[in-house]
Amino acid sequence: MKKITTIINYCTNDYMFLKPCIEAALKVSHKVIVPYCTKFHDGTDQDVNLLAKSVNENFGADFVEFDYDPAQSSRWHCNVSRKIGIELSPQDTDYFMFLDTDEIIVPDEFNAWWTEEQSKLLVSYKLANYFYFRDFKYQAKEWQDSIALVQKGEFTQDPYIFHNDERSGVFLYVPNHLKARNVTYKGKPFIHHY
């Protein structure tokens, strides 16, 4: 089975989703890396006590702090977070999954899909997800596909990782026969985006 390193963008605004996000990611990944910036991407301070609590409560993941750069956009900070995760990933990583903290995988369904997928692996996937408008009770009628799962290689390097549309950079330029979007298992998404 091809090995996945999951890289999770994190800020303390999403603390309530962090533990379930990491716990689910650990069940589908051989490594989980959580880069976080010293400040929010608009330059305001993060809650340092909540950052420390986040690290202490989630010892199954590797947390990595990086400095805020006031000359850069919020998108740049999200992309540099993913780049840091790629650079710190194990050598034997085959695929990277890029999650935001409020995106939670259903592990059994993901693993069933990933097992079936091994016979016809593509370079890049956009995984379908239910969207909830930040509240568990509001599930959108239409799916999104913001989560990216991409093979280690050319498309996990610059400039694709620094695309203005963030995770879309590791999908848009991959030839059509090597990618799939709105990926589901048995016709349903296996990720919930809050």
N, C-alpha and C. Protein backbone atom coordinates (compact mmCIF):
# COMPACT_ATOMS: atom_id res chain seq x y z
N MET A 1 0.84 -1.18 0.00
CA MET A 1 0.00 0.00 0.00
C MET A 1 0.89 1.25 0.00
N LYS A 2 0.58 2.20 -0.88
CA LYS A 2 1.35 3.44 -0.95
C LYS A 2 1.18 4.25 0.33
N LYS A 3 2.27 4.84 0.80
CA LYS A 3 2.28 5.55 2.08
C LYS A 3 1.91 7.03 1.91
N ILE A 4 1.05 7.50 2.81
CA ILE A 4 0.57 8.88 2.78
C ILE A 4 1.13 9.65 3.97
N THR A 5 1.67 10.83 3.70
CA THR A 5 1.95 11.81 4.75
C THR A 5 0.88 12.88 4.65
N THR A 6 0.18 13.11 5.76
CA THR A 6 -0.85 14.15 5.79
C THR A 6 -0.29 15.40 6.44
N ILE A 7 -0.50 16.53 5.75
CA ILE A 7 -0.04 17.83 6.23
C ILE A 7 -1.29 18.66 6.52
N ILE A 8 -1.41 19.10 7.77
CA ILE A 8 -2.60 19.81 8.23
C ILE A 8 -2.26 21.26 8.55
N ASN A 9 -2.87 22.20 7.82
CA ASN A 9 -2.74 23.62 8.16
C ASN A 9 -3.50 23.87 9.45
N TYR A 10 -2.88 24.60 10.38
CA TYR A 10 -3.54 24.83 11.67
C TYR A 10 -3.37 26.26 12.16
N CYS A 11 -4.46 26.79 12.72
CA CYS A 11 -4.43 28.00 13.53
C CYS A 11 -5.41 27.78 14.67
N THR A 12 -5.24 28.51 15.76
CA THR A 12 -6.02 28.24 16.97
C THR A 12 -7.51 28.55 16.80
N ASN A 13 -7.92 29.26 15.77
CA ASN A 13 -9.36 29.44 15.50
C ASN A 13 -10.05 28.10 15.26
N ASP A 14 -9.29 27.12 14.80
CA ASP A 14 -9.84 25.81 14.47
C ASP A 14 -9.55 24.76 15.54
N TYR A 15 -9.24 25.21 16.75
CA TYR A 15 -8.89 24.28 17.82
C TYR A 15 -9.94 23.19 18.01
N MET A 16 -11.22 23.54 17.96
CA MET A 16 -12.28 22.56 18.23
C MET A 16 -12.27 21.37 17.25
N PHE A 17 -11.66 21.56 16.08
CA PHE A 17 -11.61 20.48 15.08
C PHE A 17 -10.29 19.71 15.09
N LEU A 18 -9.29 20.23 15.81
CA LEU A 18 -7.93 19.69 15.69
C LEU A 18 -7.83 18.22 16.10
N LYS A 19 -8.32 17.88 17.26
CA LYS A 19 -8.18 16.51 17.74
C LYS A 19 -8.88 15.51 16.82
N PRO A 20 -10.16 15.71 16.44
CA PRO A 20 -10.77 14.75 15.51
C PRO A 20 -10.09 14.71 14.15
N CYS A 21 -9.57 15.85 13.68
CA CYS A 21 -8.87 15.88 12.40
C CYS A 21 -7.61 15.03 12.46
N ILE A 22 -6.82 15.21 13.52
CA ILE A 22 -5.57 14.45 13.66
C ILE A 22 -5.85 12.97 13.90
N GLU A 23 -6.80 12.67 14.77
CA GLU A 23 -7.10 11.26 15.07
C GLU A 23 -7.51 10.50 13.81
N ALA A 24 -8.32 11.14 12.98
CA ALA A 24 -8.74 10.49 11.72
C ALA A 24 -7.56 10.38 10.76
N ALA A 25 -6.77 11.44 10.65
CA ALA A 25 -5.62 11.43 9.74
C ALA A 25 -4.61 10.35 10.12
N LEU A 26 -4.42 10.13 11.41
CA LEU A 26 -3.48 9.10 11.86
C LEU A 26 -3.91 7.70 11.43
N LYS A 27 -5.20 7.50 11.21
CA LYS A 27 -5.71 6.19 10.82
C LYS A 27 -5.57 5.92 9.32
N VAL A 28 -5.20 6.95 8.54
CA VAL A 28 -5.04 6.76 7.10
C VAL A 28 -3.63 7.12 6.61
N SER A 29 -2.78 7.58 7.51
CA SER A 29 -1.46 8.10 7.14
C SER A 29 -0.36 7.40 7.92
N HIS A 30 0.83 7.37 7.31
CA HIS A 30 1.95 6.85 8.09
C HIS A 30 2.67 7.97 8.83
N LYS A 31 2.32 9.23 8.51
CA LYS A 31 2.89 10.39 9.21
C LYS A 31 1.89 11.54 9.10
N VAL A 32 1.75 12.30 10.21
CA VAL A 32 0.92 13.50 10.22
C VAL A 32 1.77 14.65 10.72
N ILE A 33 1.84 15.71 9.90
CA ILE A 33 2.63 16.89 10.23
C ILE A 33 1.70 18.10 10.28
N VAL A 34 1.82 18.90 11.35
CA VAL A 34 0.94 20.05 11.56
C VAL A 34 1.79 21.32 11.68
N PRO A 35 2.07 21.98 10.55
CA PRO A 35 2.77 23.27 10.62
C PRO A 35 1.79 24.36 11.07
N TYR A 36 2.27 25.27 11.89
CA TYR A 36 1.44 26.40 12.31
C TYR A 36 2.30 27.65 12.39
N CYS A 37 1.68 28.78 12.08
CA CYS A 37 2.38 30.06 12.03
C CYS A 37 2.36 30.71 13.41
N THR A 38 3.36 31.54 13.69
CA THR A 38 3.44 32.24 14.96
C THR A 38 2.32 33.26 15.14
N LYS A 39 1.71 33.67 14.03
CA LYS A 39 0.58 34.61 14.06
C LYS A 39 -0.50 34.12 13.10
N PHE A 40 -1.71 34.67 13.26
CA PHE A 40 -2.72 34.45 12.24
C PHE A 40 -2.23 35.09 10.95
N HIS A 41 -2.79 34.68 9.84
CA HIS A 41 -2.29 35.15 8.54
C HIS A 41 -2.59 36.61 8.26
N ASP A 42 -3.37 37.26 9.14
CA ASP A 42 -3.56 38.70 9.02
C ASP A 42 -2.62 39.47 9.95
N GLY A 43 -1.74 38.75 10.66
CA GLY A 43 -0.75 39.38 11.51
C GLY A 43 -1.13 39.48 12.98
N THR A 44 -2.36 39.17 13.33
CA THR A 44 -2.75 39.22 14.74
C THR A 44 -2.20 37.99 15.47
N ASP A 45 -2.05 38.13 16.76
CA ASP A 45 -1.43 37.07 17.56
C ASP A 45 -2.34 35.85 17.71
N GLN A 46 -1.73 34.68 17.64
CA GLN A 46 -2.44 33.46 17.98
C GLN A 46 -2.47 33.33 19.51
N ASP A 47 -3.34 32.49 20.00
CA ASP A 47 -3.43 32.20 21.42
C ASP A 47 -2.31 31.22 21.78
N VAL A 48 -1.23 31.72 22.41
CA VAL A 48 -0.06 30.87 22.67
C VAL A 48 -0.38 29.75 23.66
N ASN A 49 -1.28 30.00 24.60
CA ASN A 49 -1.68 28.94 25.53
C ASN A 49 -2.42 27.82 24.80
N LEU A 50 -3.27 28.22 23.86
CA LEU A 50 -4.01 27.23 23.08
C LEU A 50 -3.08 26.47 22.13
N LEU A 51 -2.06 27.15 21.61
CA LEU A 51 -1.06 26.45 20.78
C LEU A 51 -0.34 25.38 21.60
N ALA A 52 0.09 25.75 22.81
CA ALA A 52 0.78 24.78 23.68
C ALA A 52 -0.14 23.61 24.02
N LYS A 53 -1.40 23.91 24.32
CA LYS A 53 -2.37 22.86 24.62
C LYS A 53 -2.58 21.95 23.41
N SER A 54 -2.63 22.55 22.22
CA SER A 54 -2.81 21.78 20.98
C SER A 54 -1.71 20.75 20.81
N VAL A 55 -0.48 21.18 21.02
CA VAL A 55 0.67 20.29 20.87
C VAL A 55 0.63 19.19 21.93
N ASN A 56 0.34 19.57 23.18
CA ASN A 56 0.34 18.60 24.28
C ASN A 56 -0.77 17.56 24.16
N GLU A 57 -1.88 17.92 23.56
CA GLU A 57 -3.02 17.01 23.46
C GLU A 57 -2.94 16.07 22.25
N ASN A 58 -2.03 16.32 21.35
CA ASN A 58 -2.01 15.57 20.09
C ASN A 58 -0.62 15.05 19.79
N PHE A 59 -0.11 14.18 20.66
CA PHE A 59 1.27 13.72 20.52
C PHE A 59 1.48 12.73 19.39
N GLY A 60 0.42 12.32 18.69
CA GLY A 60 0.60 11.43 17.55
C GLY A 60 1.04 12.16 16.29
N ALA A 61 0.96 13.49 16.31
CA ALA A 61 1.34 14.30 15.15
C ALA A 61 2.59 15.12 15.47
N ASP A 62 3.32 15.49 14.42
CA ASP A 62 4.48 16.37 14.57
C ASP A 62 4.07 17.81 14.31
N PHE A 63 4.18 18.66 15.32
CA PHE A 63 3.86 20.08 15.17
C PHE A 63 5.13 20.85 14.86
N VAL A 64 5.03 21.81 13.92
CA VAL A 64 6.18 22.59 13.50
C VAL A 64 5.76 24.06 13.42
N GLU A 65 6.46 24.91 14.15
CA GLU A 65 6.15 26.34 14.13
C GLU A 65 6.98 27.04 13.06
N PHE A 66 6.35 28.00 12.37
CA PHE A 66 7.10 28.84 11.43
C PHE A 66 6.70 30.28 11.64
N ASP A 67 7.59 31.19 11.26
CA ASP A 67 7.41 32.61 11.52
C ASP A 67 6.48 33.27 10.52
N TYR A 68 5.72 34.20 11.04
CA TYR A 68 4.86 35.05 10.21
C TYR A 68 5.72 36.01 9.41
N ASP A 69 5.37 36.23 8.15
CA ASP A 69 6.06 37.19 7.29
C ASP A 69 5.06 38.27 6.88
N PRO A 70 5.17 39.48 7.43
CA PRO A 70 4.20 40.53 7.13
C PRO A 70 4.18 40.96 5.67
N ALA A 71 5.22 40.62 4.92
CA ALA A 71 5.28 41.00 3.50
C ALA A 71 4.50 40.04 2.62
N GLN A 72 3.99 38.94 3.19
CA GLN A 72 3.36 37.89 2.40
C GLN A 72 1.85 37.82 2.67
N SER A 73 1.12 37.24 1.73
CA SER A 73 -0.33 37.10 1.84
C SER A 73 -0.71 35.90 2.71
N SER A 74 -1.99 35.82 3.04
CA SER A 74 -2.47 34.66 3.80
C SER A 74 -2.30 33.38 2.98
N ARG A 75 -2.53 33.47 1.67
CA ARG A 75 -2.34 32.28 0.82
C ARG A 75 -0.90 31.79 0.85
N TRP A 76 0.04 32.73 0.86
CA TRP A 76 1.45 32.36 0.93
C TRP A 76 1.72 31.57 2.20
N HIS A 77 1.16 32.02 3.32
CA HIS A 77 1.37 31.34 4.58
C HIS A 77 0.80 29.92 4.57
N CYS A 78 -0.37 29.74 3.95
CA CYS A 78 -0.94 28.39 3.82
C CYS A 78 -0.03 27.51 2.97
N ASN A 79 0.47 28.07 1.89
CA ASN A 79 1.34 27.30 0.99
C ASN A 79 2.69 26.99 1.64
N VAL A 80 3.25 27.93 2.38
CA VAL A 80 4.54 27.66 3.02
C VAL A 80 4.36 26.59 4.10
N SER A 81 3.19 26.56 4.73
CA SER A 81 2.89 25.50 5.69
C SER A 81 2.98 24.13 5.01
N ARG A 82 2.39 24.02 3.84
CA ARG A 82 2.43 22.75 3.11
C ARG A 82 3.86 22.41 2.66
N LYS A 83 4.59 23.41 2.24
CA LYS A 83 5.97 23.19 1.82
C LYS A 83 6.82 22.67 2.99
N ILE A 84 6.63 23.25 4.16
CA ILE A 84 7.35 22.79 5.34
C ILE A 84 7.02 21.33 5.62
N GLY A 85 5.74 20.98 5.54
CA GLY A 85 5.34 19.60 5.75
C GLY A 85 5.99 18.65 4.76
N ILE A 86 6.05 19.06 3.51
CA ILE A 86 6.71 18.23 2.48
C ILE A 86 8.18 18.04 2.82
N GLU A 87 8.85 19.12 3.20
CA GLU A 87 10.28 19.04 3.49
C GLU A 87 10.58 18.17 4.70
N LEU A 88 9.65 18.08 5.65
CA LEU A 88 9.87 17.30 6.87
C LEU A 88 9.28 15.89 6.80
N SER A 89 8.73 15.54 5.65
CA SER A 89 8.09 14.23 5.52
C SER A 89 9.13 13.12 5.44
N PRO A 90 8.73 11.89 5.81
CA PRO A 90 9.65 10.76 5.68
C PRO A 90 10.04 10.52 4.22
N GLN A 91 11.23 10.01 4.02
CA GLN A 91 11.74 9.73 2.67
C GLN A 91 10.84 8.77 1.90
N ASP A 92 10.20 7.84 2.62
CA ASP A 92 9.42 6.82 1.93
C ASP A 92 7.96 7.24 1.67
N THR A 93 7.67 8.52 1.81
CA THR A 93 6.33 9.02 1.48
C THR A 93 6.07 8.83 0.00
N ASP A 94 4.90 8.30 -0.33
CA ASP A 94 4.48 8.16 -1.73
C ASP A 94 3.50 9.25 -2.15
N TYR A 95 2.60 9.63 -1.23
CA TYR A 95 1.57 10.64 -1.51
C TYR A 95 1.47 11.61 -0.35
N PHE A 96 1.08 12.84 -0.67
CA PHE A 96 0.78 13.85 0.34
C PHE A 96 -0.70 14.16 0.30
N MET A 97 -1.29 14.23 1.48
CA MET A 97 -2.67 14.70 1.59
C MET A 97 -2.61 16.04 2.32
N PHE A 98 -3.24 17.05 1.72
CA PHE A 98 -3.24 18.39 2.29
C PHE A 98 -4.62 18.68 2.86
N LEU A 99 -4.69 18.79 4.19
CA LEU A 99 -5.94 19.08 4.88
C LEU A 99 -5.84 20.42 5.60
N ASP A 100 -6.99 21.05 5.79
CA ASP A 100 -7.11 22.12 6.77
C ASP A 100 -7.70 21.47 8.02
N THR A 101 -7.52 22.11 9.15
CA THR A 101 -7.91 21.50 10.42
C THR A 101 -9.40 21.18 10.50
N ASP A 102 -10.23 21.95 9.79
CA ASP A 102 -11.68 21.71 9.87
C ASP A 102 -12.16 20.69 8.84
N GLU A 103 -11.26 19.89 8.31
CA GLU A 103 -11.60 18.82 7.36
C GLU A 103 -11.29 17.48 8.01
N ILE A 104 -12.33 16.69 8.22
CA ILE A 104 -12.19 15.46 9.00
C ILE A 104 -12.56 14.26 8.12
N ILE A 105 -11.63 13.33 8.05
CA ILE A 105 -11.77 12.12 7.22
C ILE A 105 -12.60 11.07 7.95
N VAL A 106 -13.36 10.29 7.20
CA VAL A 106 -13.98 9.07 7.73
C VAL A 106 -13.00 7.94 7.40
N PRO A 107 -12.20 7.50 8.38
CA PRO A 107 -11.07 6.60 8.09
C PRO A 107 -11.43 5.29 7.41
N ASP A 108 -12.47 4.61 7.86
CA ASP A 108 -12.81 3.31 7.26
C ASP A 108 -13.14 3.45 5.79
N GLU A 109 -13.90 4.48 5.45
CA GLU A 109 -14.28 4.69 4.05
C GLU A 109 -13.08 5.13 3.22
N PHE A 110 -12.25 6.01 3.77
CA PHE A 110 -11.05 6.42 3.05
C PHE A 110 -10.16 5.21 2.78
N ASN A 111 -9.90 4.42 3.82
CA ASN A 111 -9.01 3.26 3.66
C ASN A 111 -9.57 2.24 2.67
N ALA A 112 -10.88 2.05 2.65
CA ALA A 112 -11.49 1.13 1.68
C ALA A 112 -11.28 1.67 0.26
N TRP A 113 -11.49 2.97 0.07
CA TRP A 113 -11.26 3.57 -1.25
C TRP A 113 -9.79 3.46 -1.64
N TRP A 114 -8.88 3.78 -0.72
CA TRP A 114 -7.45 3.79 -1.01
C TRP A 114 -6.96 2.38 -1.35
N THR A 115 -7.50 1.38 -0.68
CA THR A 115 -7.14 -0.01 -0.99
C THR A 115 -7.55 -0.36 -2.41
N GLU A 116 -8.76 0.00 -2.79
CA GLU A 116 -9.23 -0.26 -4.16
C GLU A 116 -8.42 0.52 -5.19
N GLU A 117 -8.00 1.71 -4.83
CA GLU A 117 -7.31 2.61 -5.77
C GLU A 117 -5.90 2.14 -6.11
N GLN A 118 -5.30 1.28 -5.29
CA GLN A 118 -3.91 0.88 -5.48
C GLN A 118 -3.62 0.27 -6.86
N SER A 119 -4.63 -0.30 -7.49
CA SER A 119 -4.42 -0.95 -8.79
C SER A 119 -4.40 0.04 -9.95
N LYS A 120 -4.82 1.27 -9.74
CA LYS A 120 -4.89 2.25 -10.83
C LYS A 120 -4.55 3.66 -10.35
N LEU A 121 -3.48 3.78 -9.62
CA LEU A 121 -3.15 5.05 -8.98
C LEU A 121 -2.92 6.18 -9.99
N LEU A 122 -3.46 7.35 -9.65
CA LEU A 122 -3.26 8.57 -10.44
C LEU A 122 -2.26 9.46 -9.72
N VAL A 123 -1.88 10.55 -10.38
CA VAL A 123 -0.92 11.49 -9.79
C VAL A 123 -1.59 12.40 -8.78
N SER A 124 -2.80 12.87 -9.08
CA SER A 124 -3.44 13.86 -8.22
C SER A 124 -4.94 13.63 -8.12
N TYR A 125 -5.46 13.83 -6.92
CA TYR A 125 -6.88 13.67 -6.64
C TYR A 125 -7.40 14.91 -5.91
N LYS A 126 -8.64 15.28 -6.21
CA LYS A 126 -9.37 16.25 -5.40
C LYS A 126 -10.51 15.45 -4.77
N LEU A 127 -10.50 15.33 -3.46
CA LEU A 127 -11.43 14.47 -2.75
C LEU A 127 -12.71 15.23 -2.39
N ALA A 128 -13.83 14.66 -2.76
CA ALA A 128 -15.12 15.29 -2.46
C ALA A 128 -15.32 15.36 -0.95
N ASN A 129 -16.01 16.41 -0.50
CA ASN A 129 -16.31 16.54 0.92
C ASN A 129 -17.63 17.25 1.14
N TYR A 130 -18.30 16.85 2.20
CA TYR A 130 -19.49 17.56 2.64
C TYR A 130 -19.03 18.86 3.31
N PHE A 131 -19.80 19.93 3.16
CA PHE A 131 -19.44 21.21 3.78
C PHE A 131 -20.55 21.62 4.74
N TYR A 132 -20.17 22.17 5.89
CA TYR A 132 -21.13 22.41 6.97
C TYR A 132 -21.26 23.87 7.40
N PHE A 133 -20.61 24.79 6.80
CA PHE A 133 -20.71 26.20 7.19
C PHE A 133 -20.34 26.41 8.66
N ARG A 134 -19.32 25.70 9.13
CA ARG A 134 -18.74 25.83 10.47
C ARG A 134 -19.61 25.25 11.58
N ASP A 135 -20.72 24.64 11.27
CA ASP A 135 -21.57 24.07 12.30
C ASP A 135 -22.02 22.67 11.87
N PHE A 136 -21.94 21.72 12.79
CA PHE A 136 -22.23 20.32 12.47
C PHE A 136 -23.63 20.12 11.89
N LYS A 137 -24.58 20.97 12.25
CA LYS A 137 -25.96 20.76 11.82
C LYS A 137 -26.27 21.30 10.43
N TYR A 138 -25.35 22.07 9.82
CA TYR A 138 -25.62 22.68 8.51
C TYR A 138 -24.83 21.97 7.42
N GLN A 139 -25.35 20.90 6.89
CA GLN A 139 -24.66 20.20 5.80
C GLN A 139 -25.16 20.74 4.46
N ALA A 140 -24.23 21.21 3.64
CA ALA A 140 -24.60 21.74 2.33
C ALA A 140 -25.15 20.62 1.44
N LYS A 141 -26.00 21.00 0.51
CA LYS A 141 -26.59 20.03 -0.42
C LYS A 141 -25.60 19.60 -1.50
N GLU A 142 -24.68 20.51 -1.85
CA GLU A 142 -23.68 20.21 -2.87
C GLU A 142 -22.33 19.94 -2.21
N TRP A 143 -21.51 19.14 -2.88
CA TRP A 143 -20.20 18.80 -2.36
C TRP A 143 -19.16 19.79 -2.85
N GLN A 144 -18.08 19.88 -2.10
CA GLN A 144 -16.87 20.58 -2.52
C GLN A 144 -15.80 19.52 -2.80
N ASP A 145 -14.67 19.97 -3.31
CA ASP A 145 -13.54 19.05 -3.44
C ASP A 145 -12.23 19.78 -3.17
N SER A 146 -12.14 20.38 -2.00
CA SER A 146 -10.97 21.18 -1.67
C SER A 146 -9.76 20.36 -1.25
N ILE A 147 -9.96 19.16 -0.75
CA ILE A 147 -8.84 18.35 -0.25
C ILE A 147 -8.04 17.78 -1.42
N ALA A 148 -6.75 17.89 -1.31
CA ALA A 148 -5.87 17.37 -2.37
C ALA A 148 -5.04 16.21 -1.84
N LEU A 149 -4.93 15.18 -2.66
CA LEU A 149 -4.06 14.03 -2.42
C LEU A 149 -3.20 13.91 -3.66
N VAL A 150 -1.89 14.05 -3.51
CA VAL A 150 -1.04 14.13 -4.69
C VAL A 150 0.24 13.30 -4.50
N GLN A 151 0.64 12.66 -5.58
CA GLN A 151 1.85 11.84 -5.57
C GLN A 151 3.08 12.71 -5.35
N LYS A 152 3.99 12.21 -4.53
CA LYS A 152 5.26 12.90 -4.31
C LYS A 152 5.98 13.02 -5.65
N GLY A 153 6.50 14.19 -5.94
CA GLY A 153 7.21 14.40 -7.20
C GLY A 153 7.06 15.82 -7.69
N GLU A 154 7.05 15.97 -9.00
CA GLU A 154 7.04 17.28 -9.64
C GLU A 154 5.96 18.21 -9.10
N PHE A 155 4.74 17.71 -8.92
CA PHE A 155 3.63 18.58 -8.58
C PHE A 155 3.56 18.90 -7.08
N THR A 156 4.49 18.38 -6.30
CA THR A 156 4.59 18.78 -4.90
C THR A 156 5.81 19.68 -4.68
N GLN A 157 6.27 20.29 -5.76
CA GLN A 157 7.39 21.22 -5.69
C GLN A 157 6.95 22.60 -6.16
N ASP A 158 7.85 23.58 -6.04
CA ASP A 158 7.57 24.91 -6.60
C ASP A 158 7.49 24.77 -8.11
N PRO A 159 6.67 25.52 -8.83
CA PRO A 159 5.75 26.55 -8.35
C PRO A 159 4.37 26.02 -8.00
N TYR A 160 4.10 24.73 -8.19
CA TYR A 160 2.76 24.21 -8.01
C TYR A 160 2.28 24.36 -6.57
N ILE A 161 3.17 24.14 -5.61
CA ILE A 161 2.78 24.21 -4.21
C ILE A 161 2.49 25.65 -3.79
N PHE A 162 3.00 26.63 -4.55
CA PHE A 162 2.76 28.05 -4.23
C PHE A 162 1.73 28.69 -5.16
N HIS A 163 0.85 27.91 -5.67
CA HIS A 163 -0.19 28.41 -6.56
C HIS A 163 -1.11 29.37 -5.82
N ASN A 164 -1.62 30.41 -6.51
CA ASN A 164 -2.53 31.37 -5.88
C ASN A 164 -3.81 30.73 -5.36
N ASP A 165 -4.22 29.64 -5.96
CA ASP A 165 -5.41 28.93 -5.49
C ASP A 165 -5.05 27.81 -4.52
N GLU A 166 -3.90 27.95 -3.91
CA GLU A 166 -3.40 27.01 -2.89
C GLU A 166 -3.39 25.56 -3.37
N ARG A 167 -4.19 24.70 -2.75
CA ARG A 167 -4.13 23.26 -3.06
C ARG A 167 -4.45 22.94 -4.51
N SER A 168 -5.10 23.84 -5.19
CA SER A 168 -5.43 23.59 -6.59
C SER A 168 -4.18 23.53 -7.47
N GLY A 169 -3.10 24.14 -7.02
CA GLY A 169 -1.88 24.12 -7.81
C GLY A 169 -1.32 22.74 -8.04
N VAL A 170 -1.59 21.82 -7.10
CA VAL A 170 -1.08 20.45 -7.25
C VAL A 170 -2.08 19.58 -8.01
N PHE A 171 -3.07 20.22 -8.61
CA PHE A 171 -4.08 19.50 -9.37
C PHE A 171 -4.27 20.07 -10.77
N LEU A 172 -4.30 21.39 -10.90
CA LEU A 172 -4.68 22.03 -12.15
C LEU A 172 -3.79 21.68 -13.33
N TYR A 173 -2.49 21.57 -13.10
CA TYR A 173 -1.55 21.38 -14.21
C TYR A 173 -1.22 19.92 -14.49
N VAL A 174 -1.78 19.03 -13.72
CA VAL A 174 -1.59 17.60 -13.98
C VAL A 174 -2.43 17.23 -15.20
N PRO A 175 -1.86 16.49 -16.16
CA PRO A 175 -2.67 16.10 -17.33
C PRO A 175 -3.95 15.37 -16.92
N ASN A 176 -5.02 15.59 -17.66
CA ASN A 176 -6.34 15.06 -17.30
C ASN A 176 -6.36 13.55 -17.06
N HIS A 177 -5.59 12.80 -17.84
CA HIS A 177 -5.61 11.34 -17.68
C HIS A 177 -4.89 10.87 -16.41
N LEU A 178 -4.26 11.81 -15.69
CA LEU A 178 -3.52 11.45 -14.48
C LEU A 178 -4.16 12.01 -13.21
N LYS A 179 -5.39 12.53 -13.32
CA LYS A 179 -6.02 13.14 -12.15
C LYS A 179 -7.52 12.87 -12.14
N ALA A 180 -8.11 13.01 -10.94
CA ALA A 180 -9.55 12.84 -10.79
C ALA A 180 -10.04 13.85 -9.76
N ARG A 181 -11.24 14.38 -9.97
CA ARG A 181 -11.80 15.33 -9.01
C ARG A 181 -13.14 14.81 -8.52
N ASN A 182 -13.60 15.39 -7.41
CA ASN A 182 -14.84 14.95 -6.75
C ASN A 182 -14.82 13.45 -6.47
N VAL A 183 -13.69 12.97 -5.96
CA VAL A 183 -13.52 11.55 -5.69
C VAL A 183 -14.37 11.14 -4.49
N THR A 184 -15.11 10.04 -4.66
CA THR A 184 -15.98 9.51 -3.61
C THR A 184 -15.72 8.02 -3.43
N TYR A 185 -16.30 7.45 -2.39
CA TYR A 185 -16.29 6.01 -2.20
C TYR A 185 -17.74 5.54 -2.20
N LYS A 186 -18.07 4.65 -3.13
CA LYS A 186 -19.44 4.17 -3.31
C LYS A 186 -20.42 5.33 -3.48
N GLY A 187 -19.95 6.36 -4.22
CA GLY A 187 -20.82 7.48 -4.58
C GLY A 187 -21.01 8.53 -3.51
N LYS A 188 -20.26 8.45 -2.40
CA LYS A 188 -20.41 9.44 -1.33
C LYS A 188 -19.05 9.94 -0.88
N PRO A 189 -18.97 11.22 -0.48
CA PRO A 189 -17.71 11.73 0.07
C PRO A 189 -17.34 11.01 1.37
N PHE A 190 -16.04 10.97 1.65
CA PHE A 190 -15.57 10.37 2.89
C PHE A 190 -14.80 11.39 3.75
N ILE A 191 -15.10 12.68 3.48
CA ILE A 191 -14.51 13.76 4.28
C ILE A 191 -15.61 14.77 4.60
N HIS A 192 -15.56 15.28 5.84
CA HIS A 192 -16.50 16.31 6.29
C HIS A 192 -15.72 17.60 6.52
N HIS A 193 -16.13 18.67 5.88
CA HIS A 193 -15.47 19.96 5.97
C HIS A 193 -16.38 20.92 6.74
N TYR A 194 -15.88 21.34 7.90
CA TYR A 194 -16.68 22.20 8.78
C TYR A 194 -16.31 23.66 8.63
